[in-house]
Amino acid sequence: MAVSQTDLLNSLESKVRFLMSRYEMLEKEKLALEESLRKCEEERDLAKVMERSWRGRYHDLLIAKTISTSEEDTKKTMSRLSSLEREIDKCINMLLEE
């Protein structure tokens, strides 16, 4: 039994319409995903900024606690100050190497 050209054309037309609608749906989904990705990247960047801020505050609190010590914390204070001094020396050496 032979299939008529009209039937073939109708079948092809139907498949092309399906593919076009599928393409449009996937294009919309892609745009939505790109927008979602952009929002996630913005949230990540904000989280990184907040993390740096909190780390800085934590570091400042450690220094403040080290400086305001009692007699029993003197060894801790000296150790912390020595550590800070070594960090500063490393930075100076790195600057001198450049």
PDB file of N, CA and C in Angstrom:
ATOM      1  N   MET A   1       0.845  -1.159   0.000  1.00  0.00           N
ATOM      2  CA  MET A   1       0.000   0.000   0.000  1.00  0.00           C
ATOM      3  C   MET A   1       0.897   1.230   0.000  1.00  0.00           C
ATOM      4  N   ALA A   2       0.686   2.092  -0.899  1.00  0.00           N
ATOM      5  CA  ALA A   2       1.521   3.266  -1.072  1.00  0.00           C
ATOM      6  C   ALA A   2       0.968   4.427  -0.262  1.00  0.00           C
ATOM      7  N   VAL A   3       1.893   5.167   0.344  1.00  0.00           N
ATOM      8  CA  VAL A   3       1.501   6.338   1.115  1.00  0.00           C
ATOM      9  C   VAL A   3       1.498   7.527   0.163  1.00  0.00           C
ATOM     10  N   SER A   4       0.465   8.298   0.222  1.00  0.00           N
ATOM     11  CA  SER A   4       0.363   9.423  -0.704  1.00  0.00           C
ATOM     12  C   SER A   4       1.289  10.557  -0.284  1.00  0.00           C
ATOM     13  N   GLN A   5       1.620  11.374  -1.241  1.00  0.00           N
ATOM     14  CA  GLN A   5       2.496  12.517  -0.965  1.00  0.00           C
ATOM     15  C   GLN A   5       1.835  13.474   0.016  1.00  0.00           C
ATOM     16  N   THR A   6       0.551  13.599  -0.029  1.00  0.00           N
ATOM     17  CA  THR A   6      -0.169  14.475   0.886  1.00  0.00           C
ATOM     18  C   THR A   6      -0.030  13.974   2.323  1.00  0.00           C
ATOM     19  N   ASP A   7      -0.150  12.665   2.481  1.00  0.00           N
ATOM     20  CA  ASP A   7       0.015  12.097   3.816  1.00  0.00           C
ATOM     21  C   ASP A   7       1.440  12.307   4.325  1.00  0.00           C
ATOM     22  N   LEU A   8       2.413  12.112   3.462  1.00  0.00           N
ATOM     23  CA  LEU A   8       3.806  12.340   3.851  1.00  0.00           C
ATOM     24  C   LEU A   8       4.043  13.795   4.213  1.00  0.00           C
ATOM     25  N   LEU A   9       3.472  14.682   3.410  1.00  0.00           N
ATOM     26  CA  LEU A   9       3.627  16.107   3.664  1.00  0.00           C
ATOM     27  C   LEU A   9       2.974  16.499   4.984  1.00  0.00           C
ATOM     28  N   ASN A  10       1.786  15.977   5.246  1.00  0.00           N
ATOM     29  CA  ASN A  10       1.087  16.252   6.507  1.00  0.00           C
ATOM     30  C   ASN A  10       1.874  15.710   7.700  1.00  0.00           C
ATOM     31  N   SER A  11       2.429  14.532   7.544  1.00  0.00           N
ATOM     32  CA  SER A  11       3.236  13.936   8.611  1.00  0.00           C
ATOM     33  C   SER A  11       4.479  14.780   8.876  1.00  0.00           C
ATOM     34  N   LEU A  12       5.134  15.189   7.819  1.00  0.00           N
ATOM     35  CA  LEU A  12       6.327  16.032   7.952  1.00  0.00           C
ATOM     36  C   LEU A  12       5.976  17.363   8.602  1.00  0.00           C
ATOM     37  N   GLU A  13       4.868  17.939   8.153  1.00  0.00           N
ATOM     38  CA  GLU A  13       4.412  19.217   8.706  1.00  0.00           C
ATOM     39  C   GLU A  13       4.139  19.088  10.205  1.00  0.00           C
ATOM     40  N   SER A  14       3.493  18.006  10.591  1.00  0.00           N
ATOM     41  CA  SER A  14       3.176  17.759  11.994  1.00  0.00           C
ATOM     42  C   SER A  14       4.452  17.628  12.827  1.00  0.00           C
ATOM     43  N   LYS A  15       5.415  16.893  12.297  1.00  0.00           N
ATOM     44  CA  LYS A  15       6.678  16.702  13.013  1.00  0.00           C
ATOM     45  C   LYS A  15       7.461  18.012  13.126  1.00  0.00           C
ATOM     46  N   VAL A  16       7.431  18.824  12.089  1.00  0.00           N
ATOM     47  CA  VAL A  16       8.121  20.118  12.125  1.00  0.00           C
ATOM     48  C   VAL A  16       7.459  21.031  13.152  1.00  0.00           C
ATOM     49  N   ARG A  17       6.111  21.048  13.179  1.00  0.00           N
ATOM     50  CA  ARG A  17       5.409  21.857  14.193  1.00  0.00           C
ATOM     51  C   ARG A  17       5.762  21.402  15.601  1.00  0.00           C
ATOM     52  N   PHE A  18       5.818  20.084  15.796  1.00  0.00           N
ATOM     53  CA  PHE A  18       6.184  19.548  17.113  1.00  0.00           C
ATOM     54  C   PHE A  18       7.591  19.989  17.489  1.00  0.00           C
ATOM     55  N   LEU A  19       8.528  19.865  16.543  1.00  0.00           N
ATOM     56  CA  LEU A  19       9.917  20.266  16.824  1.00  0.00           C
ATOM     57  C   LEU A  19      10.019  21.757  17.115  1.00  0.00           C
ATOM     58  N   MET A  20       9.250  22.569  16.399  1.00  0.00           N
ATOM     59  CA  MET A  20       9.282  24.017  16.632  1.00  0.00           C
ATOM     60  C   MET A  20       8.722  24.350  18.013  1.00  0.00           C
ATOM     61  N   SER A  21       7.637  23.700  18.396  1.00  0.00           N
ATOM     62  CA  SER A  21       7.071  23.984  19.721  1.00  0.00           C
ATOM     63  C   SER A  21       8.018  23.492  20.815  1.00  0.00           C
ATOM     64  N   ARG A  22       8.655  22.367  20.584  1.00  0.00           N
ATOM     65  CA  ARG A  22       9.632  21.839  21.549  1.00  0.00           C
ATOM     66  C   ARG A  22      10.817  22.794  21.664  1.00  0.00           C
ATOM     67  N   TYR A  23      11.281  23.314  20.536  1.00  0.00           N
ATOM     68  CA  TYR A  23      12.389  24.268  20.530  1.00  0.00           C
ATOM     69  C   TYR A  23      12.022  25.520  21.330  1.00  0.00           C
ATOM     70  N   GLU A  24      10.829  26.058  21.094  1.00  0.00           N
ATOM     71  CA  GLU A  24      10.389  27.260  21.810  1.00  0.00           C
ATOM     72  C   GLU A  24      10.298  26.996  23.307  1.00  0.00           C
ATOM     73  N   MET A  25       9.797  25.816  23.679  1.00  0.00           N
ATOM     74  CA  MET A  25       9.700  25.468  25.097  1.00  0.00           C
ATOM     75  C   MET A  25      11.096  25.382  25.721  1.00  0.00           C
ATOM     76  N   LEU A  26      12.014  24.732  25.014  1.00  0.00           N
ATOM     77  CA  LEU A  26      13.377  24.600  25.533  1.00  0.00           C
ATOM     78  C   LEU A  26      14.089  25.953  25.596  1.00  0.00           C
ATOM     79  N   GLU A  27      13.798  26.818  24.662  1.00  0.00           N
ATOM     80  CA  GLU A  27      14.395  28.168  24.665  1.00  0.00           C
ATOM     81  C   GLU A  27      13.922  28.940  25.899  1.00  0.00           C
ATOM     82  N   LYS A  28      12.629  28.843  26.214  1.00  0.00           N
ATOM     83  CA  LYS A  28      12.097  29.507  27.407  1.00  0.00           C
ATOM     84  C   LYS A  28      12.721  28.924  28.674  1.00  0.00           C
ATOM     85  N   GLU A  29      12.864  27.607  28.708  1.00  0.00           N
ATOM     86  CA  GLU A  29      13.475  26.950  29.856  1.00  0.00           C
ATOM     87  C   GLU A  29      14.931  27.401  30.020  1.00  0.00           C
ATOM     88  N   LYS A  30      15.636  27.514  28.899  1.00  0.00           N
ATOM     89  CA  LYS A  30      17.027  27.976  28.927  1.00  0.00           C
ATOM     90  C   LYS A  30      17.127  29.384  29.506  1.00  0.00           C
ATOM     91  N   LEU A  31      16.233  30.274  29.069  1.00  0.00           N
ATOM     92  CA  LEU A  31      16.250  31.645  29.582  1.00  0.00           C
ATOM     93  C   LEU A  31      15.964  31.671  31.083  1.00  0.00           C
ATOM     94  N   ALA A  32      15.015  30.853  31.515  1.00  0.00           N
ATOM     95  CA  ALA A  32      14.701  30.786  32.944  1.00  0.00           C
ATOM     96  C   ALA A  32      15.899  30.270  33.736  1.00  0.00           C
ATOM     97  N   LEU A  33      16.571  29.258  33.215  1.00  0.00           N
ATOM     98  CA  LEU A  33      17.745  28.714  33.894  1.00  0.00           C
ATOM     99  C   LEU A  33      18.891  29.720  33.932  1.00  0.00           C
ATOM    100  N   GLU A  34      19.066  30.473  32.849  1.00  0.00           N
ATOM    101  CA  GLU A  34      20.111  31.506  32.836  1.00  0.00           C
ATOM    102  C   GLU A  34      19.826  32.576  33.875  1.00  0.00           C
ATOM    103  N   GLU A  35      18.566  32.967  34.018  1.00  0.00           N
ATOM    104  CA  GLU A  35      18.185  33.957  35.026  1.00  0.00           C
ATOM    105  C   GLU A  35      18.423  33.406  36.429  1.00  0.00           C
ATOM    106  N   SER A  36      18.061  32.153  36.623  1.00  0.00           N
ATOM    107  CA  SER A  36      18.284  31.513  37.922  1.00  0.00           C
ATOM    108  C   SER A  36      19.775  31.449  38.239  1.00  0.00           C
ATOM    109  N   LEU A  37      20.576  31.116  37.245  1.00  0.00           N
ATOM    110  CA  LEU A  37      22.031  31.066  37.431  1.00  0.00           C
ATOM    111  C   LEU A  37      22.576  32.441  37.796  1.00  0.00           C
ATOM    112  N   ARG A  38      22.096  33.477  37.117  1.00  0.00           N
ATOM    113  CA  ARG A  38      22.554  34.840  37.403  1.00  0.00           C
ATOM    114  C   ARG A  38      22.235  35.218  38.849  1.00  0.00           C
ATOM    115  N   LYS A  39      21.029  34.872  39.301  1.00  0.00           N
ATOM    116  CA  LYS A  39      20.642  35.183  40.684  1.00  0.00           C
ATOM    117  C   LYS A  39      21.516  34.415  41.673  1.00  0.00           C
ATOM    118  N   CYS A  40      21.780  33.156  41.374  1.00  0.00           N
ATOM    119  CA  CYS A  40      22.629  32.352  42.255  1.00  0.00           C
ATOM    120  C   CYS A  40      24.049  32.926  42.321  1.00  0.00           C
ATOM    121  N   GLU A  41      24.564  33.378  41.192  1.00  0.00           N
ATOM    122  CA  GLU A  41      25.902  33.967  41.179  1.00  0.00           C
ATOM    123  C   GLU A  41      25.939  35.252  41.989  1.00  0.00           C
ATOM    124  N   GLU A  42      24.880  36.054  41.897  1.00  0.00           N
ATOM    125  CA  GLU A  42      24.809  37.282  42.697  1.00  0.00           C
ATOM    126  C   GLU A  42      24.769  36.940  44.187  1.00  0.00           C
ATOM    127  N   GLU A  43      23.978  35.927  44.557  1.00  0.00           N
ATOM    128  CA  GLU A  43      23.901  35.512  45.958  1.00  0.00           C
ATOM    129  C   GLU A  43      25.252  34.990  46.441  1.00  0.00           C
ATOM    130  N   ARG A  44      25.951  34.231  45.585  1.00  0.00           N
ATOM    131  CA  ARG A  44      27.263  33.716  45.950  1.00  0.00           C
ATOM    132  C   ARG A  44      28.252  34.853  46.174  1.00  0.00           C
ATOM    133  N   ASP A  45      28.229  35.838  45.275  1.00  0.00           N
ATOM    134  CA  ASP A  45      29.138  36.977  45.421  1.00  0.00           C
ATOM    135  C   ASP A  45      28.854  37.741  46.707  1.00  0.00           C
ATOM    136  N   LEU A  46      27.577  37.924  47.016  1.00  0.00           N
ATOM    137  CA  LEU A  46      27.208  38.603  48.260  1.00  0.00           C
ATOM    138  C   LEU A  46      27.665  37.790  49.472  1.00  0.00           C
ATOM    139  N   ALA A  47      27.504  36.468  49.396  1.00  0.00           N
ATOM    140  CA  ALA A  47      27.933  35.609  50.501  1.00  0.00           C
ATOM    141  C   ALA A  47      29.446  35.698  50.703  1.00  0.00           C
ATOM    142  N   LYS A  48      30.194  35.778  49.602  1.00  0.00           N
ATOM    143  CA  LYS A  48      31.656  35.906  49.717  1.00  0.00           C
ATOM    144  C   LYS A  48      32.033  37.215  50.404  1.00  0.00           C
ATOM    145  N   VAL A  49      31.354  38.296  50.040  1.00  0.00           N
ATOM    146  CA  VAL A  49      31.627  39.594  50.655  1.00  0.00           C
ATOM    147  C   VAL A  49      31.316  39.535  52.150  1.00  0.00           C
ATOM    148  N   MET A  50      30.179  38.946  52.481  1.00  0.00           N
ATOM    149  CA  MET A  50      29.800  38.837  53.893  1.00  0.00           C
ATOM    150  C   MET A  50      30.788  37.963  54.658  1.00  0.00           C
ATOM    151  N   GLU A  51      31.246  36.879  54.026  1.00  0.00           N
ATOM    152  CA  GLU A  51      32.217  36.003  54.681  1.00  0.00           C
ATOM    153  C   GLU A  51      33.498  36.763  54.994  1.00  0.00           C
ATOM    154  N   ARG A  52      33.991  37.531  54.003  1.00  0.00           N
ATOM    155  CA  ARG A  52      35.208  38.320  54.237  1.00  0.00           C
ATOM    156  C   ARG A  52      35.006  39.300  55.388  1.00  0.00           C
ATOM    157  N   SER A  53      33.835  39.922  55.416  1.00  0.00           N
ATOM    158  CA  SER A  53      33.540  40.880  56.473  1.00  0.00           C
ATOM    159  C   SER A  53      33.550  40.195  57.840  1.00  0.00           C
ATOM    160  N   TRP A  54      32.885  39.035  57.919  1.00  0.00           N
ATOM    161  CA  TRP A  54      32.830  38.319  59.198  1.00  0.00           C
ATOM    162  C   TRP A  54      34.197  37.807  59.609  1.00  0.00           C
ATOM    163  N   ARG A  55      34.978  37.355  58.645  1.00  0.00           N
ATOM    164  CA  ARG A  55      36.332  36.900  58.981  1.00  0.00           C
ATOM    165  C   ARG A  55      37.166  38.063  59.526  1.00  0.00           C
ATOM    166  N   GLY A  56      37.023  39.230  58.910  1.00  0.00           N
ATOM    167  CA  GLY A  56      37.744  40.408  59.395  1.00  0.00           C
ATOM    168  C   GLY A  56      37.328  40.771  60.810  1.00  0.00           C
ATOM    169  N   ARG A  57      36.027  40.735  61.053  1.00  0.00           N
ATOM    170  CA  ARG A  57      35.536  41.039  62.403  1.00  0.00           C
ATOM    171  C   ARG A  57      36.050  40.020  63.415  1.00  0.00           C
ATOM    172  N   TYR A  58      36.041  38.739  63.020  1.00  0.00           N
ATOM    173  CA  TYR A  58      36.531  37.692  63.912  1.00  0.00           C
ATOM    174  C   TYR A  58      38.006  37.908  64.225  1.00  0.00           C
ATOM    175  N   HIS A  59      38.777  38.227  63.210  1.00  0.00           N
ATOM    176  CA  HIS A  59      40.211  38.493  63.402  1.00  0.00           C
ATOM    177  C   HIS A  59      40.405  39.686  64.351  1.00  0.00           C
ATOM    178  N   ASP A  60      39.609  40.729  64.135  1.00  0.00           N
ATOM    179  CA  ASP A  60      39.701  41.901  65.017  1.00  0.00           C
ATOM    180  C   ASP A  60      39.354  41.542  66.466  1.00  0.00           C
ATOM    181  N   LEU A  61      38.343  40.698  66.633  1.00  0.00           N
ATOM    182  CA  LEU A  61      37.977  40.268  67.984  1.00  0.00           C
ATOM    183  C   LEU A  61      39.089  39.450  68.633  1.00  0.00           C
ATOM    184  N   LEU A  62      39.738  38.603  67.853  1.00  0.00           N
ATOM    185  CA  LEU A  62      40.853  37.831  68.394  1.00  0.00           C
ATOM    186  C   LEU A  62      41.973  38.756  68.861  1.00  0.00           C
ATOM    187  N   ILE A  63      42.268  39.761  68.057  1.00  0.00           N
ATOM    188  CA  ILE A  63      43.322  40.702  68.431  1.00  0.00           C
ATOM    189  C   ILE A  63      42.909  41.479  69.682  1.00  0.00           C
ATOM    190  N   ALA A  64      41.665  41.931  69.710  1.00  0.00           N
ATOM    191  CA  ALA A  64      41.186  42.681  70.878  1.00  0.00           C
ATOM    192  C   ALA A  64      41.245  41.821  72.129  1.00  0.00           C
ATOM    193  N   LYS A  65      40.862  40.556  71.997  1.00  0.00           N
ATOM    194  CA  LYS A  65      40.907  39.664  73.159  1.00  0.00           C
ATOM    195  C   LYS A  65      42.342  39.437  73.596  1.00  0.00           C
ATOM    196  N   THR A  66      43.239  39.320  72.618  1.00  0.00           N
ATOM    197  CA  THR A  66      44.643  39.099  72.936  1.00  0.00           C
ATOM    198  C   THR A  66      45.233  40.305  73.656  1.00  0.00           C
ATOM    199  N   ILE A  67      44.865  41.484  73.220  1.00  0.00           N
ATOM    200  CA  ILE A  67      45.419  42.700  73.817  1.00  0.00           C
ATOM    201  C   ILE A  67      44.859  42.932  75.215  1.00  0.00           C
ATOM    202  N   SER A  68      43.572  42.668  75.416  1.00  0.00           N
ATOM    203  CA  SER A  68      42.970  42.886  76.740  1.00  0.00           C
ATOM    204  C   SER A  68      43.031  41.587  77.531  1.00  0.00           C
ATOM    205  N   THR A  69      44.183  41.348  78.125  1.00  0.00           N
ATOM    206  CA  THR A  69      44.402  40.072  78.800  1.00  0.00           C
ATOM    207  C   THR A  69      44.551  40.251  80.297  1.00  0.00           C
ATOM    208  N   SER A  70      44.410  39.155  80.969  1.00  0.00           N
ATOM    209  CA  SER A  70      44.704  39.111  82.400  1.00  0.00           C
ATOM    210  C   SER A  70      46.086  38.486  82.563  1.00  0.00           C
ATOM    211  N   GLU A  71      46.529  38.340  83.773  1.00  0.00           N
ATOM    212  CA  GLU A  71      47.866  37.796  84.007  1.00  0.00           C
ATOM    213  C   GLU A  71      48.002  36.374  83.481  1.00  0.00           C
ATOM    214  N   GLU A  72      46.957  35.594  83.602  1.00  0.00           N
ATOM    215  CA  GLU A  72      47.048  34.195  83.154  1.00  0.00           C
ATOM    216  C   GLU A  72      47.063  34.076  81.629  1.00  0.00           C
ATOM    217  N   ASP A  73      46.627  35.118  80.937  1.00  0.00           N
ATOM    218  CA  ASP A  73      46.612  35.085  79.476  1.00  0.00           C
ATOM    219  C   ASP A  73      47.856  35.715  78.862  1.00  0.00           C
ATOM    220  N   THR A  74      48.838  36.054  79.658  1.00  0.00           N
ATOM    221  CA  THR A  74      50.029  36.728  79.158  1.00  0.00           C
ATOM    222  C   THR A  74      50.764  35.868  78.135  1.00  0.00           C
ATOM    223  N   LYS A  75      50.871  34.570  78.392  1.00  0.00           N
ATOM    224  CA  LYS A  75      51.570  33.686  77.463  1.00  0.00           C
ATOM    225  C   LYS A  75      50.842  33.628  76.126  1.00  0.00           C
ATOM    226  N   LYS A  76      49.524  33.563  76.178  1.00  0.00           N
ATOM    227  CA  LYS A  76      48.729  33.556  74.943  1.00  0.00           C
ATOM    228  C   LYS A  76      48.943  34.853  74.171  1.00  0.00           C
ATOM    229  N   THR A  77      48.953  35.945  74.903  1.00  0.00           N
ATOM    230  CA  THR A  77      49.133  37.252  74.278  1.00  0.00           C
ATOM    231  C   THR A  77      50.493  37.332  73.600  1.00  0.00           C
ATOM    232  N   MET A  78      51.524  36.899  74.290  1.00  0.00           N
ATOM    233  CA  MET A  78      52.865  36.944  73.722  1.00  0.00           C
ATOM    234  C   MET A  78      52.956  36.046  72.485  1.00  0.00           C
ATOM    235  N   SER A  79      52.326  34.899  72.571  1.00  0.00           N
ATOM    236  CA  SER A  79      52.327  33.981  71.427  1.00  0.00           C
ATOM    237  C   SER A  79      51.603  34.606  70.242  1.00  0.00           C
ATOM    238  N   ARG A  80      50.455  35.203  70.489  1.00  0.00           N
ATOM    239  CA  ARG A  80      49.678  35.825  69.415  1.00  0.00           C
ATOM    240  C   ARG A  80      50.442  37.004  68.799  1.00  0.00           C
ATOM    241  N   LEU A  81      51.051  37.821  69.643  1.00  0.00           N
ATOM    242  CA  LEU A  81      51.823  38.950  69.137  1.00  0.00           C
ATOM    243  C   LEU A  81      53.037  38.474  68.334  1.00  0.00           C
ATOM    244  N   SER A  82      53.658  37.394  68.784  1.00  0.00           N
ATOM    245  CA  SER A  82      54.789  36.834  68.040  1.00  0.00           C
ATOM    246  C   SER A  82      54.319  36.334  66.680  1.00  0.00           C
ATOM    247  N   SER A  83      53.157  35.708  66.665  1.00  0.00           N
ATOM    248  CA  SER A  83      52.588  35.233  65.404  1.00  0.00           C
ATOM    249  C   SER A  83      52.312  36.399  64.466  1.00  0.00           C
ATOM    250  N   LEU A  84      51.737  37.455  64.989  1.00  0.00           N
ATOM    251  CA  LEU A  84      51.467  38.641  64.179  1.00  0.00           C
ATOM    252  C   LEU A  84      52.774  39.246  63.657  1.00  0.00           C
ATOM    253  N   GLU A  85      53.783  39.247  64.506  1.00  0.00           N
ATOM    254  CA  GLU A  85      55.079  39.785  64.093  1.00  0.00           C
ATOM    255  C   GLU A  85      55.664  38.960  62.948  1.00  0.00           C
ATOM    256  N   ARG A  86      55.543  37.634  63.033  1.00  0.00           N
ATOM    257  CA  ARG A  86      56.038  36.772  61.955  1.00  0.00           C
ATOM    258  C   ARG A  86      55.272  37.039  60.658  1.00  0.00           C
ATOM    259  N   GLU A  87      53.951  37.215  60.765  1.00  0.00           N
ATOM    260  CA  GLU A  87      53.147  37.516  59.577  1.00  0.00           C
ATOM    261  C   GLU A  87      53.598  38.827  58.934  1.00  0.00           C
ATOM    262  N   ILE A  88      53.855  39.827  59.750  1.00  0.00           N
ATOM    263  CA  ILE A  88      54.307  41.122  59.240  1.00  0.00           C
ATOM    264  C   ILE A  88      55.674  40.973  58.577  1.00  0.00           C
ATOM    265  N   ASP A  89      56.563  40.203  59.207  1.00  0.00           N
ATOM    266  CA  ASP A  89      57.886  39.975  58.627  1.00  0.00           C
ATOM    267  C   ASP A  89      57.780  39.272  57.273  1.00  0.00           C
ATOM    268  N   LYS A  90      56.882  38.297  57.179  1.00  0.00           N
ATOM    269  CA  LYS A  90      56.678  37.607  55.901  1.00  0.00           C
ATOM    270  C   LYS A  90      56.215  38.597  54.832  1.00  0.00           C
ATOM    271  N   CYS A  91      55.288  39.462  55.202  1.00  0.00           N
ATOM    272  CA  CYS A  91      54.778  40.455  54.245  1.00  0.00           C
ATOM    273  C   CYS A  91      55.882  41.398  53.790  1.00  0.00           C
ATOM    274  N   ILE A  92      56.689  41.834  54.726  1.00  0.00           N
ATOM    275  CA  ILE A  92      57.796  42.738  54.394  1.00  0.00           C
ATOM    276  C   ILE A  92      58.770  42.042  53.462  1.00  0.00           C
ATOM    277  N   ASN A  93      59.095  40.772  53.762  1.00  0.00           N
ATOM    278  CA  ASN A  93      60.014  40.015  52.905  1.00  0.00           C
ATOM    279  C   ASN A  93      59.447  39.845  51.505  1.00  0.00           C
ATOM    280  N   MET A  94      58.151  39.587  51.406  1.00  0.00           N
ATOM    281  CA  MET A  94      57.517  39.431  50.100  1.00  0.00           C
ATOM    282  C   MET A  94      57.581  40.740  49.312  1.00  0.00           C
ATOM    283  N   LEU A  95      57.388  41.849  50.007  1.00  0.00           N
ATOM    284  CA  LEU A  95      57.454  43.156  49.338  1.00  0.00           C
ATOM    285  C   LEU A  95      58.879  43.460  48.881  1.00  0.00           C
ATOM    286  N   LEU A  96      59.860  43.077  49.679  1.00  0.00           N
ATOM    287  CA  LEU A  96      61.247  43.321  49.337  1.00  0.00           C
ATOM    288  C   LEU A  96      61.701  42.471  48.175  1.00  0.00           C
ATOM    289  N   GLU A  97      61.120  41.276  48.027  1.00  0.00           N
ATOM    290  CA  GLU A  97      61.501  40.378  46.938  1.00  0.00           C
ATOM    291  C   GLU A  97      61.021  40.902  45.597  1.00  0.00           C
ATOM    292  N   GLU A  98      59.965  41.673  45.586  1.00  0.00           N
ATOM    293  CA  GLU A  98      59.434  42.194  44.336  1.00  0.00           C
ATOM    294  C   GLU A  98      60.375  43.226  43.842  1.00  0.00           C
TER     295      GLU A  98
END
